[in-house]
């Protein structure tokens, strides 16, 4: 976010991109390393997306 704001990107857009990047990184790390999930990616990503949007 701060890197984007340094390039004069509006705070709303920089915050949105930062939140999306954080959510994708968090999903990848949790599914692959923390929980070692073996469920189908399609179902899990929908549930995770709903959780991210809800929060």
C-alpha atoms as a PDB file:
ATOM      1  CA  UNK A   1       0.000   0.000   0.000  1.00  0.00           C
ATOM      2  CA  UNK A   2       2.671   2.483   0.960  1.00  0.00           C
ATOM      3  CA  UNK A   3       4.619   1.685  -2.208  1.00  0.00           C
ATOM      4  CA  UNK A   4       1.590   2.429  -4.343  1.00  0.00           C
ATOM      5  CA  UNK A   5       0.877   5.629  -2.450  1.00  0.00           C
ATOM      6  CA  UNK A   6       4.489   6.701  -3.054  1.00  0.00           C
ATOM      7  CA  UNK A   7       3.653   6.477  -6.788  1.00  0.00           C
ATOM      8  CA  UNK A   8       0.728   8.876  -6.206  1.00  0.00           C
ATOM      9  CA  UNK A   9      -1.936   6.170  -6.407  1.00  0.00           C
ATOM     10  CA  UNK A  10      -5.053   7.250  -4.428  1.00  0.00           C
ATOM     11  CA  UNK A  11      -5.292   5.746  -0.947  1.00  0.00           C
ATOM     12  CA  UNK A  12      -8.519   3.863  -1.705  1.00  0.00           C
ATOM     13  CA  UNK A  13      -6.979   2.028  -4.672  1.00  0.00           C
ATOM     14  CA  UNK A  14      -3.691   1.376  -2.872  1.00  0.00           C
ATOM     15  CA  UNK A  15      -5.529  -0.010   0.144  1.00  0.00           C
ATOM     16  CA  UNK A  16      -7.709  -2.233  -2.050  1.00  0.00           C
ATOM     17  CA  UNK A  17      -4.712  -3.668  -3.912  1.00  0.00           C
ATOM     18  CA  UNK A  18      -2.877  -4.217  -0.614  1.00  0.00           C
ATOM     19  CA  UNK A  19      -5.853  -6.011   0.910  1.00  0.00           C
ATOM     20  CA  UNK A  20      -6.279  -8.246  -2.148  1.00  0.00           C
ATOM     21  CA  UNK A  21      -2.569  -9.122  -2.208  1.00  0.00           C
ATOM     22  CA  UNK A  22      -2.681  -9.914   1.495  1.00  0.00           C
ATOM     23  CA  UNK A  23      -5.748 -12.114   1.117  1.00  0.00           C
ATOM     24  CA  UNK A  24      -4.196 -14.080  -1.750  1.00  0.00           C
ATOM     25  CA  UNK A  25      -0.951 -14.571   0.142  1.00  0.00           C
ATOM     26  CA  UNK A  26      -2.828 -15.585   3.285  1.00  0.00           C
ATOM     27  CA  UNK A  27      -4.949 -18.115   1.360  1.00  0.00           C
ATOM     28  CA  UNK A  28      -1.914 -19.660  -0.310  1.00  0.00           C
ATOM     29  CA  UNK A  29       0.026 -19.971   2.958  1.00  0.00           C
ATOM     30  CA  UNK A  30      -2.892 -21.304   4.997  1.00  0.00           C
ATOM     31  CA  UNK A  31      -4.036 -23.853   2.430  1.00  0.00           C
ATOM     32  CA  UNK A  32      -0.593 -25.134   1.566  1.00  0.00           C
ATOM     33  CA  UNK A  33       1.460 -24.862   4.704  1.00  0.00           C
ATOM     34  CA  UNK A  34      -0.650 -24.313   7.800  1.00  0.00           C
ATOM     35  CA  UNK A  35      -3.594 -26.653   7.309  1.00  0.00           C
ATOM     36  CA  UNK A  36      -2.355 -28.975   4.522  1.00  0.00           C
ATOM     37  CA  UNK A  37      -5.872 -28.958   3.098  1.00  0.00           C
ATOM     38  CA  UNK A  38      -6.763 -31.821   0.758  1.00  0.00           C
ATOM     39  CA  UNK A  39     -10.263 -30.599  -0.126  1.00  0.00           C
ATOM     40  CA  UNK A  40     -11.000 -29.350  -3.642  1.00  0.00           C
ATOM     41  CA  UNK A  41      -9.597 -25.931  -4.393  1.00  0.00           C
ATOM     42  CA  UNK A  42     -12.875 -24.708  -5.936  1.00  0.00           C
ATOM     43  CA  UNK A  43     -14.908 -25.236  -2.766  1.00  0.00           C
ATOM     44  CA  UNK A  44     -12.269 -23.971  -0.361  1.00  0.00           C
ATOM     45  CA  UNK A  45     -11.547 -20.784  -2.321  1.00  0.00           C
ATOM     46  CA  UNK A  46     -15.253 -19.917  -2.364  1.00  0.00           C
ATOM     47  CA  UNK A  47     -15.513 -20.348   1.397  1.00  0.00           C
ATOM     48  CA  UNK A  48     -12.345 -18.358   1.968  1.00  0.00           C
ATOM     49  CA  UNK A  49     -13.525 -15.596  -0.367  1.00  0.00           C
ATOM     50  CA  UNK A  50     -16.792 -15.322   1.533  1.00  0.00           C
ATOM     51  CA  UNK A  51     -14.839 -15.052   4.773  1.00  0.00           C
ATOM     52  CA  UNK A  52     -12.570 -12.316   3.382  1.00  0.00           C
ATOM     53  CA  UNK A  53     -15.480 -10.305   1.975  1.00  0.00           C
ATOM     54  CA  UNK A  54     -17.394 -10.692   5.229  1.00  0.00           C
ATOM     55  CA  UNK A  55     -14.521  -9.424   7.282  1.00  0.00           C
END
